C-alpha atoms as a PDB file:
ATOM      1  CA  MET A   1     -11.562  38.424  80.564  1.00  0.00           C
ATOM      2  CA  LEU A   2     -13.382  39.177  77.316  1.00  0.00           C
ATOM      3  CA  ILE A   3     -12.956  42.469  75.446  1.00  0.00           C
ATOM      4  CA  ILE A   4     -15.286  44.896  73.682  1.00  0.00           C
ATOM      5  CA  SER A   5     -13.691  47.655  71.596  1.00  0.00           C
ATOM      6  CA  PHE A   6     -15.657  50.913  71.620  1.00  0.00           C
ATOM      7  CA  ALA A   7     -13.636  52.725  68.923  1.00  0.00           C
ATOM      8  CA  TRP A   8     -15.430  55.932  67.890  1.00  0.00           C
ATOM      9  CA  THR A   9     -17.758  55.859  70.947  1.00  0.00           C
ATOM     10  CA  THR A  10     -14.974  55.557  73.543  1.00  0.00           C
ATOM     11  CA  ALA A  11     -15.391  59.168  74.715  1.00  0.00           C
ATOM     12  CA  ALA A  12     -19.125  58.610  75.283  1.00  0.00           C
ATOM     13  CA  LEU A  13     -18.351  55.427  77.232  1.00  0.00           C
ATOM     14  CA  LEU A  14     -15.813  57.176  79.462  1.00  0.00           C
ATOM     15  CA  ALA A  15     -18.240  60.057  80.055  1.00  0.00           C
ATOM     16  CA  GLY A  16     -20.793  57.537  81.326  1.00  0.00           C
ATOM     17  CA  ALA A  17     -23.125  58.325  78.405  1.00  0.00           C
ATOM     18  CA  LYS A  18     -23.026  54.905  76.724  1.00  0.00           C
ATOM     19  CA  SER A  19     -24.701  51.780  78.099  1.00  0.00           C
ATOM     20  CA  CYS A  20     -25.450  49.818  74.924  1.00  0.00           C
ATOM     21  CA  THR A  21     -23.561  48.637  71.873  1.00  0.00           C
ATOM     22  CA  ARG A  22     -24.518  46.600  68.829  1.00  0.00           C
ATOM     23  CA  ARG A  23     -22.217  44.025  67.247  1.00  0.00           C
ATOM     24  CA  ASN A  24     -21.964  41.860  64.137  1.00  0.00           C
ATOM     25  CA  TRP A  25     -20.732  38.872  66.123  1.00  0.00           C
ATOM     26  CA  ASP A  26     -21.015  35.256  65.136  1.00  0.00           C
ATOM     27  CA  ASP A  27     -23.160  33.170  67.476  1.00  0.00           C
ATOM     28  CA  ASP A  28     -20.266  31.209  68.994  1.00  0.00           C
ATOM     29  CA  TYR A  29     -18.536  34.422  70.056  1.00  0.00           C
ATOM     30  CA  ALA A  30     -21.708  36.155  71.328  1.00  0.00           C
ATOM     31  CA  TRP A  31     -22.611  33.180  73.524  1.00  0.00           C
ATOM     32  CA  LYS A  32     -19.375  33.673  75.514  1.00  0.00           C
ATOM     33  CA  PHE A  33     -20.856  36.883  76.964  1.00  0.00           C
ATOM     34  CA  LYS A  34     -23.182  36.376  79.958  1.00  0.00           C
ATOM     35  CA  ALA A  35     -25.312  38.650  82.140  1.00  0.00           C
ATOM     36  CA  GLY A  36     -23.335  39.858  85.159  1.00  0.00           C
ATOM     37  CA  MET A  37     -19.971  39.319  83.465  1.00  0.00           C
ATOM     38  CA  ASP A  38     -17.276  41.994  83.686  1.00  0.00           C
ATOM     39  CA  VAL A  39     -15.689  42.814  80.327  1.00  0.00           C
ATOM     40  CA  GLN A  40     -12.672  44.926  79.452  1.00  0.00           C
ATOM     41  CA  GLY A  41     -13.529  48.019  77.425  1.00  0.00           C
ATOM     42  CA  TYR A  42     -10.884  48.988  74.860  1.00  0.00           C
ATOM     43  CA  ASP A  43     -10.496  52.154  72.802  1.00  0.00           C
ATOM     44  CA  ARG A  44      -9.555  50.061  69.736  1.00  0.00           C
ATOM     45  CA  GLY A  45      -8.978  46.386  69.184  1.00  0.00           C
ATOM     46  CA  PRO A  46      -5.824  45.152  70.907  1.00  0.00           C
ATOM     47  CA  ARG A  47      -4.561  43.766  67.586  1.00  0.00           C
ATOM     48  CA  VAL A  48      -4.302  47.323  66.261  1.00  0.00           C
ATOM     49  CA  GLY A  49      -2.636  48.832  69.321  1.00  0.00           C
ATOM     50  CA  GLY A  50      -5.751  49.490  71.387  1.00  0.00           C
ATOM     51  CA  ARG A  51      -5.615  49.807  75.139  1.00  0.00           C
ATOM     52  CA  GLN A  52      -7.948  49.051  77.975  1.00  0.00           C
ATOM     53  CA  VAL A  53      -9.890  52.137  79.091  1.00  0.00           C
ATOM     54  CA  ALA A  54     -12.674  50.702  81.259  1.00  0.00           C
ATOM     55  CA  ILE A  55     -14.443  47.767  82.831  1.00  0.00           C
ATOM     56  CA  VAL A  56     -18.111  47.291  81.970  1.00  0.00           C
ATOM     57  CA  ARG A  57     -20.587  44.820  83.480  1.00  0.00           C
ATOM     58  CA  LEU A  58     -23.130  43.174  81.217  1.00  0.00           C
ATOM     59  CA  ILE A  59     -26.640  43.696  82.569  1.00  0.00           C
ATOM     60  CA  ALA A  60     -28.130  41.147  80.169  1.00  0.00           C
ATOM     61  CA  ALA A  61     -26.886  38.448  77.844  1.00  0.00           C
ATOM     62  CA  PRO A  62     -26.449  39.746  74.273  1.00  0.00           C
ATOM     63  CA  TYR A  63     -29.539  39.235  72.125  1.00  0.00           C
ATOM     64  CA  LEU A  64     -30.315  39.555  68.426  1.00  0.00           C
ATOM     65  CA  GLU A  65     -32.251  42.517  67.053  1.00  0.00           C
ATOM     66  CA  ARG A  66     -32.605  44.153  63.650  1.00  0.00           C
ATOM     67  CA  THR A  67     -31.266  47.697  63.521  1.00  0.00           C
ATOM     68  CA  GLY A  68     -34.485  48.707  61.765  1.00  0.00           C
ATOM     69  CA  VAL A  69     -36.387  48.273  65.034  1.00  0.00           C
ATOM     70  CA  MET A  70     -33.884  49.905  67.385  1.00  0.00           C
ATOM     71  CA  PRO A  71     -35.897  51.803  70.011  1.00  0.00           C
ATOM     72  CA  GLU A  72     -35.473  55.584  70.015  1.00  0.00           C
ATOM     73  CA  ARG A  73     -34.227  55.470  73.633  1.00  0.00           C
ATOM     74  CA  ASP A  74     -31.154  53.629  72.357  1.00  0.00           C
ATOM     75  CA  TYR A  75     -30.047  56.770  70.496  1.00  0.00           C
ATOM     76  CA  ALA A  76     -28.945  57.994  73.935  1.00  0.00           C
ATOM     77  CA  SER A  77     -27.913  54.533  75.221  1.00  0.00           C
ATOM     78  CA  GLU A  78     -25.524  54.148  72.279  1.00  0.00           C
ATOM     79  CA  GLY A  79     -23.862  57.437  73.283  1.00  0.00           C
ATOM     80  CA  LEU A  80     -25.108  59.250  70.178  1.00  0.00           C
ATOM     81  CA  LEU A  81     -27.092  61.948  71.993  1.00  0.00           C
ATOM     82  CA  TRP A  82     -23.999  62.816  74.053  1.00  0.00           C
ATOM     83  CA  MET A  83     -21.895  62.888  70.872  1.00  0.00           C
ATOM     84  CA  GLU A  84     -24.496  65.119  69.185  1.00  0.00           C
ATOM     85  CA  LYS A  85     -24.368  67.574  72.092  1.00  0.00           C
ATOM     86  CA  LYS A  86     -20.547  67.595  71.936  1.00  0.00           C
ATOM     87  CA  GLY A  87     -20.526  68.155  68.163  1.00  0.00           C
ATOM     88  CA  ILE A  88     -18.731  64.848  67.529  1.00  0.00           C
ATOM     89  CA  LYS A  89     -19.251  63.333  64.080  1.00  0.00           C
ATOM     90  CA  ILE A  90     -19.209  59.651  63.205  1.00  0.00           C
ATOM     91  CA  ARG A  91     -17.487  58.775  59.949  1.00  0.00           C
ATOM     92  CA  GLY A  92     -18.131  62.359  58.826  1.00  0.00           C
ATOM     93  CA  MET A  93     -21.838  62.230  59.688  1.00  0.00           C
ATOM     94  CA  GLU A  94     -23.885  63.911  62.377  1.00  0.00           C
ATOM     95  CA  PRO A  95     -24.944  61.304  64.964  1.00  0.00           C
ATOM     96  CA  ARG A  96     -28.632  61.528  63.983  1.00  0.00           C
ATOM     97  CA  GLU A  97     -27.778  60.972  60.304  1.00  0.00           C
ATOM     98  CA  PHE A  98     -25.620  57.973  61.277  1.00  0.00           C
ATOM     99  CA  TRP A  99     -28.478  56.567  63.406  1.00  0.00           C
ATOM    100  CA  GLU A 100     -31.018  56.890  60.606  1.00  0.00           C
ATOM    101  CA  LYS A 101     -28.711  55.192  58.073  1.00  0.00           C
ATOM    102  CA  TRP A 102     -28.016  52.423  60.576  1.00  0.00           C
ATOM    103  CA  LYS A 103     -31.750  51.892  61.061  1.00  0.00           C
ATOM    104  CA  ALA A 104     -32.355  51.893  57.293  1.00  0.00           C
ATOM    105  CA  ALA A 105     -29.691  49.177  56.836  1.00  0.00           C
ATOM    106  CA  ASP A 106     -31.888  46.850  58.949  1.00  0.00           C
ATOM    107  CA  GLU A 107     -28.963  44.590  59.890  1.00  0.00           C
ATOM    108  CA  LEU A 108     -29.348  41.693  62.326  1.00  0.00           C
ATOM    109  CA  VAL A 109     -26.908  42.397  65.174  1.00  0.00           C
ATOM    110  CA  TYR A 110     -26.313  41.477  68.790  1.00  0.00           C
ATOM    111  CA  VAL A 111     -27.405  44.075  71.341  1.00  0.00           C
ATOM    112  CA  VAL A 112     -25.090  44.300  74.354  1.00  0.00           C
ATOM    113  CA  ARG A 113     -26.357  46.224  77.393  1.00  0.00           C
ATOM    114  CA  PHE A 114     -23.929  47.118  80.150  1.00  0.00           C
ATOM    115  CA  GLN A 115     -23.036  49.536  82.903  1.00  0.00           C
ATOM    116  CA  LEU A 116     -19.720  51.309  83.289  1.00  0.00           C
ATOM    117  CA  MET A 117     -18.000  49.927  86.389  1.00  0.00           C
ATOM    118  CA  SER A 118     -14.670  51.740  86.268  1.00  0.00           C
ATOM    119  CA  VAL A 119     -12.407  53.829  84.081  1.00  0.00           C
ATOM    120  CA  VAL A 120      -8.818  52.673  83.828  1.00  0.00           C
ATOM    121  CA  SER A 121      -6.359  55.168  85.259  1.00  0.00           C
ATOM    122  CA  GLY A 122      -4.842  57.332  82.539  1.00  0.00           C
ATOM    123  CA  SER A 123      -7.833  57.052  80.199  1.00  0.00           C
ATOM    124  CA  ILE A 124      -8.824  60.319  78.547  1.00  0.00           C
ATOM    125  CA  SER A 125     -12.409  61.432  79.110  1.00  0.00           C
ATOM    126  CA  GLU A 126     -14.203  64.627  78.125  1.00  0.00           C
END
């Protein structure tokens, strides 16, 4: 089963407040992910001691989009609205500031849309 690491948005994922992520994947890797596929959600990459915290199901195949045109609704889908309400910063920034800088960078990334299927027993959630 393939893996997606959620790192600093893990708490939002486990709270059910995250249903989208954006990745700088190469094409060969991105094409392994298909609509309807179940994927293991990790808190960090397994190579750095991460552990599985959830199973997510892809609701669409990943697709390319520039961060400069991210729709405003994805502020919530990325878990940032939940993090804002909880007072959680991202790399020392407020979530809205992070979002605006991300948009300004105008990077070409893969958009991955999913639904949380299950939380692995023992995972910490707020």
